[in-house]
Protein backbone atom coordinates (compact mmCIF):
# COMPACT_ATOMS: atom_id res chain seq x y z
CA MET A 1 133.23 118.95 50.80
CA THR A 2 134.55 115.58 49.40
CA HIS A 3 132.46 111.99 49.00
CA ASP A 4 135.06 110.83 51.67
CA GLU A 5 134.55 113.57 54.52
CA LEU A 6 130.74 113.29 54.36
CA VAL A 7 131.13 109.45 54.49
CA GLN A 8 133.27 110.28 57.75
CA ALA A 9 130.07 112.51 58.74
CA VAL A 10 128.02 109.96 58.55
CA PRO A 11 127.58 108.58 62.18
CA HIS A 12 127.75 112.44 63.26
CA ALA A 13 124.49 113.07 62.03
CA LEU A 14 122.21 115.41 64.14
CA ASN A 15 119.59 112.51 64.41
CA GLU A 16 118.09 113.94 68.15
CA ILE A 17 119.06 116.88 70.39
CA ASP A 18 117.73 117.40 74.18
CA LEU A 19 116.23 120.69 74.78
CA SER A 20 114.65 120.28 77.79
CA PRO A 21 116.92 123.14 79.12
CA LEU A 22 115.00 125.80 77.68
CA GLY A 23 111.33 124.35 78.09
CA ALA A 24 108.71 121.84 77.38
CA GLN A 25 110.35 119.97 73.75
CA THR A 26 107.74 118.75 70.72
CA SER A 27 109.10 116.61 67.88
CA GLY A 28 108.47 116.39 63.79
CA LYS A 29 109.86 114.45 61.56
CA VAL A 30 112.55 116.52 61.21
CA ARG A 31 112.49 119.25 64.16
CA GLU A 32 112.57 119.90 67.21
CA MET A 33 110.83 122.56 68.87
CA VAL A 34 110.37 124.62 71.85
CA ALA A 35 107.94 127.36 73.11
CA LEU A 36 109.32 130.25 74.27
CA PRO A 37 107.00 132.46 76.67
CA ASN A 38 107.53 135.40 74.77
CA GLY A 39 105.86 134.14 72.36
CA SER A 40 108.36 132.63 69.99
CA ARG A 41 109.78 129.32 69.61
CA VAL A 42 113.16 127.48 69.34
CA LEU A 43 113.29 125.70 65.65
CA VAL A 44 115.68 122.88 65.39
CA THR A 45 116.66 121.21 61.98
CA THR A 46 118.01 117.99 62.63
CA ASP A 47 119.55 115.33 60.13
CA ARG A 48 116.68 113.23 60.08
CA VAL A 49 114.95 112.58 56.53
CA SER A 50 111.55 111.62 55.53
CA ALA A 51 110.09 109.94 52.92
CA PHE A 52 106.48 108.57 51.90
CA ASP A 53 105.52 110.15 55.61
CA VAL A 54 108.26 108.01 57.17
CA VAL A 55 111.45 109.19 58.85
CA LEU A 56 114.14 106.70 56.74
CA GLY A 57 117.45 107.69 58.87
CA SER A 58 119.97 110.96 59.13
CA ILE A 59 121.61 112.59 56.53
CA PRO A 60 124.57 114.59 57.67
CA PHE A 61 124.53 118.51 57.21
CA LYS A 62 120.94 117.88 55.88
CA GLY A 63 119.66 120.39 58.79
CA GLN A 64 122.15 122.62 58.17
CA VAL A 65 121.06 122.72 54.42
CA LEU A 66 117.47 123.23 55.40
CA ASN A 67 117.84 125.72 58.03
CA GLN A 68 120.33 128.25 56.36
CA LEU A 69 118.38 127.72 52.66
CA SER A 70 115.11 128.55 54.18
CA ALA A 71 116.61 131.69 55.84
CA TRP A 72 118.12 133.05 52.67
CA TRP A 73 114.51 132.04 50.91
CA PHE A 74 112.48 133.46 53.59
CA GLU A 75 114.74 136.76 53.11
CA ARG A 76 114.10 137.19 49.62
CA THR A 77 110.44 136.92 49.87
CA SER A 78 109.50 138.96 52.11
CA ASP A 79 107.92 141.61 49.55
CA ILE A 80 105.67 138.85 48.72
CA VAL A 81 104.24 137.18 52.14
CA GLN A 82 105.28 137.83 55.92
CA ASN A 83 107.02 134.69 57.33
CA HIS A 84 108.21 133.80 61.22
CA VAL A 85 111.84 133.99 61.12
CA LEU A 86 113.30 136.07 63.84
CA ALA A 87 116.59 135.04 63.76
CA VAL A 88 118.81 132.67 63.24
CA PRO A 89 121.37 132.58 65.36
CA ASP A 90 123.17 128.44 64.49
CA GLU A 91 123.42 126.92 61.64
CA ASN A 92 120.47 124.52 62.11
CA VAL A 93 118.55 127.42 64.56
CA THR A 94 115.71 129.52 63.47
CA ILE A 95 114.24 131.67 66.13
CA ALA A 96 110.32 132.15 65.35
CA VAL A 97 107.42 134.09 65.87
CA GLU A 98 105.10 132.00 66.90
CA ALA A 99 102.29 130.96 64.83
CA VAL A 100 98.79 129.68 63.98
CA PRO A 101 99.15 127.07 61.36
CA LEU A 102 96.79 126.29 58.65
CA PRO A 103 95.62 122.95 58.67
CA VAL A 104 96.41 121.87 55.40
CA GLU A 105 99.52 121.71 53.80
CA VAL A 106 100.02 123.68 50.32
CA VAL A 107 101.90 122.02 47.37
CA VAL A 108 102.37 123.97 44.08
CA ARG A 109 103.80 121.72 41.09
CA GLY A 110 104.49 122.31 37.27
CA PHE A 111 105.00 119.09 36.25
CA ILE A 112 103.67 116.15 35.95
CA THR A 113 105.43 113.10 38.29
CA GLY A 114 106.27 111.69 41.59
CA VAL A 115 106.94 108.58 43.03
CA THR A 116 104.52 108.86 45.87
CA LYS A 117 100.69 107.97 46.33
CA THR A 118 99.87 111.66 46.71
CA SER A 119 101.93 112.21 43.57
CA LEU A 120 100.19 114.47 40.25
CA TRP A 121 102.09 110.98 37.65
CA THR A 122 101.31 108.17 40.26
CA MET A 123 97.35 109.15 40.11
CA TYR A 124 97.25 110.09 36.57
CA GLN A 125 99.29 106.51 35.48
CA SER A 126 96.20 105.22 37.07
CA GLY A 127 93.78 106.60 35.22
CA ALA A 128 93.01 109.55 37.35
CA ARG A 129 91.84 112.32 35.21
CA GLU A 130 90.24 114.82 38.22
CA VAL A 131 92.98 115.10 40.82
CA TYR A 132 92.85 117.74 43.46
CA GLY A 133 90.23 119.68 42.01
CA HIS A 134 92.14 119.85 38.42
CA THR A 135 90.81 118.51 35.45
CA LEU A 136 94.19 117.28 33.73
CA PRO A 137 94.14 116.25 30.01
CA ASP A 138 94.48 113.03 28.58
CA GLY A 139 97.97 111.97 26.91
CA LEU A 140 100.29 113.47 29.24
CA GLN A 141 103.71 111.73 30.04
CA LYS A 142 105.60 111.55 32.71
CA ASN A 143 107.75 114.62 33.89
CA ASP A 144 105.68 116.86 30.96
CA ALA A 145 105.21 120.59 31.86
CA LEU A 146 101.53 121.63 33.28
CA SER A 147 100.14 124.64 30.48
CA GLN A 148 100.25 126.75 34.55
CA ALA A 149 101.22 125.53 38.15
CA ILE A 150 98.44 124.35 40.44
CA VAL A 151 98.01 124.15 43.77
CA THR A 152 97.28 120.57 45.09
CA PRO A 153 96.99 120.82 48.99
CA THR A 154 96.67 117.92 51.37
CA THR A 155 95.76 117.28 54.82
CA LYS A 156 98.18 117.00 57.44
CA ALA A 157 99.30 113.71 58.92
CA GLY A 158 99.89 113.35 62.42
CA LEU A 159 103.47 111.82 62.94
CA GLY A 160 103.39 108.07 61.32
CA GLY A 161 100.29 108.75 59.38
CA HIS A 162 99.68 109.76 55.54
CA ASP A 163 99.20 113.03 54.21
CA ALA A 164 95.65 112.66 51.55
CA PRO A 165 94.82 114.69 48.90
CA ILE A 166 91.96 117.42 49.05
CA THR A 167 90.79 119.93 47.04
CA ALA A 168 89.97 123.83 47.80
CA GLN A 169 86.39 123.00 47.90
CA GLN A 170 86.40 120.51 50.52
CA ILE A 171 88.90 122.82 52.67
CA VAL A 172 86.55 125.50 52.30
CA ALA A 173 83.44 122.86 53.21
CA ARG A 174 84.88 121.56 56.25
CA GLY A 175 85.75 124.71 57.35
CA LEU A 176 89.67 124.23 57.59
CA VAL A 177 90.19 127.86 56.31
CA ASN A 178 87.70 130.48 55.35
CA ALA A 179 87.14 130.79 51.45
CA ASP A 180 88.60 134.35 51.06
CA LEU A 181 91.94 133.18 53.41
CA TRP A 182 92.11 130.61 51.19
CA ALA A 183 91.99 132.53 48.12
CA GLN A 184 95.13 134.89 49.65
CA VAL A 185 96.84 131.32 50.24
CA GLU A 186 96.21 129.95 46.50
CA ARG A 187 97.41 133.99 45.36
CA VAL A 188 100.90 134.16 47.72
CA ALA A 189 101.77 130.21 46.94
CA LEU A 190 101.47 130.76 43.18
CA ALA A 191 103.77 133.84 43.49
CA LEU A 192 106.21 132.61 45.68
CA PHE A 193 106.28 129.77 43.59
CA ALA A 194 107.08 131.72 40.12
CA ARG A 195 109.65 133.35 42.31
CA GLY A 196 111.15 129.92 43.22
CA GLN A 197 111.26 129.10 39.48
CA GLN A 198 112.92 132.20 38.32
CA VAL A 199 115.96 132.07 40.89
CA ALA A 200 115.92 128.13 39.95
CA ARG A 201 116.22 128.80 36.58
CA ASP A 202 118.84 131.53 36.80
CA ALA A 203 120.76 128.76 38.44
CA GLY A 204 120.57 126.29 36.24
CA LEU A 205 117.65 124.41 37.81
CA ILE A 206 114.06 124.02 37.23
CA LEU A 207 111.13 124.14 40.48
CA VAL A 208 109.55 121.28 39.74
CA ASP A 209 106.74 121.22 42.61
CA THR A 210 107.15 122.28 46.33
CA LYS A 211 105.42 122.21 49.42
CA TYR A 212 104.08 125.61 51.50
CA GLU A 213 103.53 125.61 55.55
CA PHE A 214 101.34 129.12 56.22
CA GLY A 215 100.12 129.99 59.69
CA LEU A 216 98.60 133.14 60.98
CA ILE A 217 100.44 135.51 62.85
CA ASP A 218 97.69 138.32 64.18
CA GLY A 219 95.69 137.18 61.81
CA GLN A 220 97.84 137.86 58.85
CA LEU A 221 99.20 134.98 56.68
CA SER A 222 102.60 134.16 57.25
CA LEU A 223 105.07 131.36 55.68
CA ILE A 224 106.66 129.34 57.95
CA ASP A 225 107.97 125.92 58.35
CA GLU A 226 110.83 125.84 55.80
CA LEU A 227 111.14 127.22 51.97
CA HIS A 228 111.92 126.20 48.62
CA THR A 229 115.04 123.74 49.98
CA PRO A 230 115.77 119.87 48.69
CA ASP A 231 113.13 118.49 51.08
CA SER A 232 110.16 120.78 50.49
CA SER A 233 111.14 120.63 46.55
CA ARG A 234 112.02 119.26 43.74
CA TYR A 235 114.65 120.75 41.74
CA TRP A 236 115.92 119.06 38.10
CA VAL A 237 119.19 119.98 36.22
CA ALA A 238 118.27 122.19 33.53
CA GLU A 239 120.54 120.85 30.93
CA SER A 240 119.63 116.97 31.99
CA TYR A 241 115.78 117.77 31.65
CA GLU A 242 116.41 119.27 28.03
CA ARG A 243 118.52 116.59 27.03
CA ASP A 244 116.31 113.62 28.57
CA SER A 245 113.11 114.48 29.93
CA SER A 246 112.59 111.14 31.11
CA ASN A 247 115.21 110.63 33.92
CA PRO A 248 116.63 114.30 34.75
CA GLU A 249 119.30 114.77 37.52
CA SER A 250 117.23 115.98 40.59
CA PHE A 251 118.71 117.87 43.64
CA ASP A 252 116.08 116.75 45.77
CA LYS A 253 114.27 113.77 48.48
CA GLU A 254 113.51 112.10 44.57
CA PHE A 255 116.83 110.99 44.60
CA LEU A 256 116.09 109.32 48.25
CA ARG A 257 112.49 108.19 46.90
CA LEU A 258 113.98 106.29 43.92
CA TRP A 259 116.34 104.33 45.78
CA PHE A 260 113.49 102.77 48.38
CA ALA A 261 110.85 102.81 45.61
CA ALA A 262 113.66 100.36 43.47
CA ARG A 263 114.02 98.33 46.67
CA GLY A 264 110.37 97.89 47.03
CA TYR A 265 110.12 100.33 49.90
CA THR A 266 107.00 103.41 49.37
CA GLY A 267 106.02 103.54 53.08
CA ASP A 268 104.96 100.73 54.66
CA GLY A 269 106.61 98.11 57.32
CA ALA A 270 109.97 98.73 58.18
CA PRO A 271 112.24 100.54 55.88
CA PRO A 272 115.81 99.23 54.44
CA PRO A 273 118.42 100.75 55.96
CA MET A 274 121.04 103.07 54.00
CA PRO A 275 124.14 102.56 53.55
CA PRO A 276 126.90 105.05 54.93
CA GLU A 277 128.10 105.23 50.92
CA PHE A 278 124.50 106.29 49.55
CA VAL A 279 123.84 108.57 52.49
CA ALA A 280 127.24 110.65 51.87
CA GLN A 281 125.78 110.90 48.15
CA VAL A 282 122.44 112.22 49.49
CA ALA A 283 124.38 114.69 51.94
CA GLY A 284 126.14 115.58 49.12
CA ARG A 285 123.21 116.71 46.43
CA TYR A 286 121.51 118.41 49.52
CA ILE A 287 125.09 120.81 49.98
CA ALA A 288 125.05 121.26 45.73
CA ALA A 289 121.65 122.30 45.79
CA TYR A 290 122.27 125.13 48.37
CA GLU A 291 125.64 126.12 46.68
CA ARG A 292 123.59 126.44 43.59
CA LEU A 293 120.59 128.38 44.12
CA THR A 294 122.73 130.79 46.95
CA GLY A 295 125.58 131.24 45.04
CA LEU A 296 127.58 130.51 48.79
CA ALA A 297 130.38 128.40 49.28
CA PHE A 298 128.91 125.74 52.36
CA LYS A 299 130.45 125.74 55.35
CA ALA A 300 130.00 122.72 57.91
CA GLY A 301 129.02 123.79 60.97
CA GLU A 302 131.50 122.27 64.13
CA THR A 303 130.25 118.98 65.13
CA PRO A 304 128.87 117.36 67.68
CA ALA A 305 126.40 119.94 66.50
CA ALA A 306 123.98 119.42 69.65
CA VAL A 307 126.52 121.03 71.85
CA ARG A 308 127.35 123.96 69.50
CA ILE A 309 123.58 124.62 69.53
CA LEU A 310 123.13 123.83 72.94
CA GLU A 311 125.87 126.85 73.69
CA ARG A 312 124.43 129.02 71.36
CA LEU A 313 121.09 128.60 72.78
CA LYS A 314 121.69 129.63 76.74
CA ASN A 315 119.96 132.46 75.99
CA PRO A 316 117.83 132.88 73.11
């Protein structure tokens, strides 16, 4: 899609949808959900965008990119761990098996970078060397590769709250996840990350870090939510990183985070509004990430998205 087309699409972004005809609706930062009587769940990925644990606005077609890219990745990692996907009846919709989510977010990092309060670089720059239960050496520079990927979990904040760092030892000690299951989570997370890095490498990208959500389905560890999307992951263009590691081109939310950080916003108070030209730039990056990773041409879903979605969900 052209930049002008994306600018024109800004007012039509899917910010909200009424799913009450299907049942009781619950809302997350990005997704709208309905639990169905048959033990499945409708997940509608909206165009809302969050960073710094705050919903900052909406980006046209972002929800479609996240939903379709996640489905693509889920299919290509099912040999590592089972996932919750039953069907993808619409560009923005996944029908998933109901899972019991684990009460921690699992973040895997291969580089030291970031501008958020829980990022490795922010903590390291402030003097921390013991982070998330890992010891980092002195002398690292922003965007350096770590000697090996590490799991850096956080607590799960409610809507409007902030995630907080936690160690594997604390997770087990607090009874959040038992030791055997957490060991499995770490093994699976690192295997998923290695797969993601390989696919990204083949696409000329670097998977820098990512967030995974796990749950239990019939007592078995399962991957839920989204997978290796520009919302849950940080991607750099490999060529730009090799040319200048201090300022690599990104296909992820870091572009958006840096825009807000440059205006003095890192999560506290009301965020500054995003102008349409900038929103279109962000949308273009989401679409470009989808096309580079999958090798597929992006085909925008019909608008208005809410009408289309409800029509297709009449008989989920």
